[in-house]
Amino acid sequence: MKKILLIDDSMIQHRIMKVLLKDKYELLMADSGLEGVKIAVRERPDVILLDYDMPVLSGKETFRKLQEHEESRDIPVLFLTGVSDKGEVEEVLKLRPRGYLLKPVEQNRLLEAIEKVLS
């Protein structure tokens, strides 16, 4: 079973992702960017779902930290966030993630995005 790592400070989002992904993927979860980077390096998930707006280490900073580690730099990252400001979206896209999904995301759209990066 493919592994998905969710890095999000919202426990509500953790519960939602559990429901949406439980039948198709093994779900690993981190509630901070620092914890997420540690898990990514150790577990090497197949895809990372990364929240953009988090305290301490933002999604953008977390993405950069993931790029610093040989073990995590090639893992596809999908930003999953409620931030829809055009300027911020453009900043995220400059980092070249594999995708950007707006919360709340529908299950079919989420699964399609994950399958696309896995193929």
C-alpha atoms as a PDB file:
ATOM      1  CA  MET A   1       0.000   0.000   0.000  1.00  0.00           C
ATOM      2  CA  LYS A   2       1.334   3.454  -0.939  1.00  0.00           C
ATOM      3  CA  LYS A   3       2.121   5.872   1.898  1.00  0.00           C
ATOM      4  CA  ILE A   4       0.769   9.405   2.091  1.00  0.00           C
ATOM      5  CA  LEU A   5       2.182  11.894   4.612  1.00  0.00           C
ATOM      6  CA  LEU A   6      -0.163  14.677   5.700  1.00  0.00           C
ATOM      7  CA  ILE A   7       1.612  17.687   7.244  1.00  0.00           C
ATOM      8  CA  ASP A   8      -1.092  19.947   8.679  1.00  0.00           C
ATOM      9  CA  ASP A   9      -1.524  21.715  12.024  1.00  0.00           C
ATOM     10  CA  SER A  10      -5.316  21.148  11.989  1.00  0.00           C
ATOM     11  CA  MET A  11      -6.545  18.047  13.801  1.00  0.00           C
ATOM     12  CA  ILE A  12      -9.842  18.473  11.957  1.00  0.00           C
ATOM     13  CA  GLN A  13      -7.947  18.131   8.673  1.00  0.00           C
ATOM     14  CA  HIS A  14      -6.246  15.001  10.022  1.00  0.00           C
ATOM     15  CA  ARG A  15      -9.660  13.434  10.716  1.00  0.00           C
ATOM     16  CA  ILE A  16     -10.997  14.448   7.292  1.00  0.00           C
ATOM     17  CA  MET A  17      -7.986  12.966   5.487  1.00  0.00           C
ATOM     18  CA  LYS A  18      -8.293   9.735   7.485  1.00  0.00           C
ATOM     19  CA  VAL A  19     -11.843   9.336   6.192  1.00  0.00           C
ATOM     20  CA  LEU A  20     -10.996  10.320   2.605  1.00  0.00           C
ATOM     21  CA  LEU A  21      -7.865   8.171   2.243  1.00  0.00           C
ATOM     22  CA  LYS A  22      -8.276   5.229   4.648  1.00  0.00           C
ATOM     23  CA  ASP A  23      -9.321   2.641   2.074  1.00  0.00           C
ATOM     24  CA  LYS A  24      -6.629   3.407  -0.514  1.00  0.00           C
ATOM     25  CA  TYR A  25      -3.463   4.513   1.278  1.00  0.00           C
ATOM     26  CA  GLU A  26      -1.450   4.158   4.454  1.00  0.00           C
ATOM     27  CA  LEU A  27      -1.728   7.595   6.054  1.00  0.00           C
ATOM     28  CA  LEU A  28       1.101   9.101   8.109  1.00  0.00           C
ATOM     29  CA  MET A  29       0.380  12.369   9.906  1.00  0.00           C
ATOM     30  CA  ALA A  30       2.388  15.266  11.317  1.00  0.00           C
ATOM     31  CA  ASP A  31       0.977  18.356  12.987  1.00  0.00           C
ATOM     32  CA  SER A  32       4.005  20.587  12.279  1.00  0.00           C
ATOM     33  CA  GLY A  33       6.501  21.190   9.522  1.00  0.00           C
ATOM     34  CA  LEU A  34       9.452  20.076  11.655  1.00  0.00           C
ATOM     35  CA  GLU A  35       7.748  16.806  12.593  1.00  0.00           C
ATOM     36  CA  GLY A  36       6.714  16.314   8.969  1.00  0.00           C
ATOM     37  CA  VAL A  37      10.272  16.668   7.676  1.00  0.00           C
ATOM     38  CA  LYS A  38      11.500  14.109  10.243  1.00  0.00           C
ATOM     39  CA  ILE A  39       8.782  11.635   9.238  1.00  0.00           C
ATOM     40  CA  ALA A  40       9.424  12.203   5.516  1.00  0.00           C
ATOM     41  CA  VAL A  41      13.148  11.525   5.900  1.00  0.00           C
ATOM     42  CA  ARG A  42      12.555   8.423   8.039  1.00  0.00           C
ATOM     43  CA  GLU A  43       9.518   6.899   6.269  1.00  0.00           C
ATOM     44  CA  ARG A  44       9.964   8.117   2.685  1.00  0.00           C
ATOM     45  CA  PRO A  45       6.263   8.389   1.810  1.00  0.00           C
ATOM     46  CA  ASP A  46       5.103   8.207  -1.810  1.00  0.00           C
ATOM     47  CA  VAL A  47       3.321  11.596  -1.652  1.00  0.00           C
ATOM     48  CA  ILE A  48       3.224  14.489   0.819  1.00  0.00           C
ATOM     49  CA  LEU A  49       0.091  16.596   1.374  1.00  0.00           C
ATOM     50  CA  LEU A  50       1.378  19.860   2.833  1.00  0.00           C
ATOM     51  CA  ASP A  51      -0.623  22.658   4.432  1.00  0.00           C
ATOM     52  CA  TYR A  52       0.513  26.118   3.387  1.00  0.00           C
ATOM     53  CA  ASP A  53      -0.450  28.140   6.457  1.00  0.00           C
ATOM     54  CA  MET A  54       1.124  26.689   9.618  1.00  0.00           C
ATOM     55  CA  PRO A  55       2.717  28.295  12.679  1.00  0.00           C
ATOM     56  CA  VAL A  56       6.473  28.098  13.380  1.00  0.00           C
ATOM     57  CA  LEU A  57       7.455  26.514  10.036  1.00  0.00           C
ATOM     58  CA  SER A  58       5.133  27.507   7.174  1.00  0.00           C
ATOM     59  CA  GLY A  59       4.307  25.170   4.315  1.00  0.00           C
ATOM     60  CA  LYS A  60       6.710  27.091   2.096  1.00  0.00           C
ATOM     61  CA  GLU A  61       9.532  26.736   4.638  1.00  0.00           C
ATOM     62  CA  THR A  62       8.682  23.065   5.195  1.00  0.00           C
ATOM     63  CA  PHE A  63       8.835  22.459   1.439  1.00  0.00           C
ATOM     64  CA  ARG A  64      12.304  24.033   1.334  1.00  0.00           C
ATOM     65  CA  LYS A  65      13.451  21.869   4.279  1.00  0.00           C
ATOM     66  CA  LEU A  66      12.203  18.746   2.465  1.00  0.00           C
ATOM     67  CA  GLN A  67      14.339  19.761  -0.532  1.00  0.00           C
ATOM     68  CA  GLU A  68      17.463  19.919   1.673  1.00  0.00           C
ATOM     69  CA  HIS A  69      17.352  16.191   2.477  1.00  0.00           C
ATOM     70  CA  GLU A  70      18.366  13.578  -0.059  1.00  0.00           C
ATOM     71  CA  GLU A  71      15.762  11.195   1.399  1.00  0.00           C
ATOM     72  CA  SER A  72      12.844  13.590   0.847  1.00  0.00           C
ATOM     73  CA  ARG A  73      13.776  15.898  -2.032  1.00  0.00           C
ATOM     74  CA  ASP A  74      12.198  13.706  -4.732  1.00  0.00           C
ATOM     75  CA  ILE A  75       8.933  12.974  -2.904  1.00  0.00           C
ATOM     76  CA  PRO A  76       6.061  14.652  -4.769  1.00  0.00           C
ATOM     77  CA  VAL A  77       4.393  17.398  -2.732  1.00  0.00           C
ATOM     78  CA  LEU A  78       0.801  18.552  -3.128  1.00  0.00           C
ATOM     79  CA  PHE A  79      -0.038  21.739  -1.255  1.00  0.00           C
ATOM     80  CA  LEU A  80      -3.435  21.349   0.392  1.00  0.00           C
ATOM     81  CA  THR A  81      -4.601  24.656   1.791  1.00  0.00           C
ATOM     82  CA  GLY A  82      -7.324  27.218   2.265  1.00  0.00           C
ATOM     83  CA  VAL A  83      -5.069  30.029   0.991  1.00  0.00           C
ATOM     84  CA  SER A  84      -6.399  31.203  -2.350  1.00  0.00           C
ATOM     85  CA  ASP A  85      -4.787  34.668  -2.567  1.00  0.00           C
ATOM     86  CA  LYS A  86      -3.363  34.968  -6.086  1.00  0.00           C
ATOM     87  CA  GLY A  87      -0.015  36.373  -4.914  1.00  0.00           C
ATOM     88  CA  GLU A  88       0.485  33.613  -2.358  1.00  0.00           C
ATOM     89  CA  VAL A  89      -0.538  30.930  -4.857  1.00  0.00           C
ATOM     90  CA  GLU A  90       2.049  32.300  -7.306  1.00  0.00           C
ATOM     91  CA  GLU A  91       4.715  32.196  -4.555  1.00  0.00           C
ATOM     92  CA  VAL A  92       3.911  28.553  -3.845  1.00  0.00           C
ATOM     93  CA  LEU A  93       3.931  27.623  -7.533  1.00  0.00           C
ATOM     94  CA  LYS A  94       7.422  29.141  -7.896  1.00  0.00           C
ATOM     95  CA  LEU A  95       8.599  26.369  -5.559  1.00  0.00           C
ATOM     96  CA  ARG A  96       7.435  23.846  -8.182  1.00  0.00           C
ATOM     97  CA  PRO A  97       5.289  21.499  -6.096  1.00  0.00           C
ATOM     98  CA  ARG A  98       3.465  18.744  -7.974  1.00  0.00           C
ATOM     99  CA  GLY A  99       0.102  20.385  -7.291  1.00  0.00           C
ATOM    100  CA  TYR A 100      -1.989  22.817  -5.290  1.00  0.00           C
ATOM    101  CA  LEU A 101      -5.432  21.864  -3.956  1.00  0.00           C
ATOM    102  CA  LEU A 102      -7.807  24.207  -2.142  1.00  0.00           C
ATOM    103  CA  LYS A 103      -9.570  23.138   1.053  1.00  0.00           C
ATOM    104  CA  PRO A 104     -12.129  21.810   1.417  1.00  0.00           C
ATOM    105  CA  VAL A 105     -11.120  19.340  -1.271  1.00  0.00           C
ATOM    106  CA  GLU A 106     -13.563  16.806  -2.649  1.00  0.00           C
ATOM    107  CA  GLN A 107     -12.533  13.169  -2.283  1.00  0.00           C
ATOM    108  CA  ASN A 108     -12.523  12.485  -6.047  1.00  0.00           C
ATOM    109  CA  ARG A 109     -10.384  15.543  -6.779  1.00  0.00           C
ATOM    110  CA  LEU A 110      -7.936  14.588  -4.031  1.00  0.00           C
ATOM    111  CA  LEU A 111      -7.658  10.978  -5.191  1.00  0.00           C
ATOM    112  CA  GLU A 112      -7.199  12.079  -8.816  1.00  0.00           C
ATOM    113  CA  ALA A 113      -4.384  14.461  -7.835  1.00  0.00           C
ATOM    114  CA  ILE A 114      -2.640  11.757  -5.809  1.00  0.00           C
ATOM    115  CA  GLU A 115      -3.003   9.167  -8.567  1.00  0.00           C
ATOM    116  CA  LYS A 116      -1.657  11.654 -11.112  1.00  0.00           C
ATOM    117  CA  VAL A 117       1.571  12.220  -9.157  1.00  0.00           C
ATOM    118  CA  LEU A 118       1.965   8.513  -8.471  1.00  0.00           C
ATOM    119  CA  SER A 119       1.724   7.560 -12.146  1.00  0.00           C
END
